[in-house]
Amino acid sequence: MVLGSGEVSLDWKLLNVVPIFKKGKKDELGSYRPVSLSSAPCEVMEKTFLAGFEKHLKDNAVVGHSQHSFMRGASCLANLISFYDKEKETSVNNRQLANHQLYEV
């Protein structure tokens, strides 16, 4: 068992590699991509570990709120929108500060 001993059994380490057709001629190797299939218990353990790991990162604020890549529910688009909003806010604040300083002179 993985949790008790900290070791992964050999059965879980073995992968079944299956060729999946992409496009092109079916008789050419370049028309396929390899997909590795692991055992069901291994998949369940990976998903369980990942869920616990993500919960730990979120609950303990290990990852900053501006981190978007490789985070569930976040995307490059969300990152760009966040960046745009902050830049727009900074631009408005700087313009207000510049106008205020202009009137003081």
Foldseek 3Di string as FASTA:
>chain_A
DCVPPVDDDPLQVDWDWDWDAQDDDPVDPVRTDIDTHGDPVNVVVVVVVVVVVLCVCVVVVVDPPLDAPPHPPGDPVNNVVVVVVVVVVVVVVVVVVVVVVVVVD
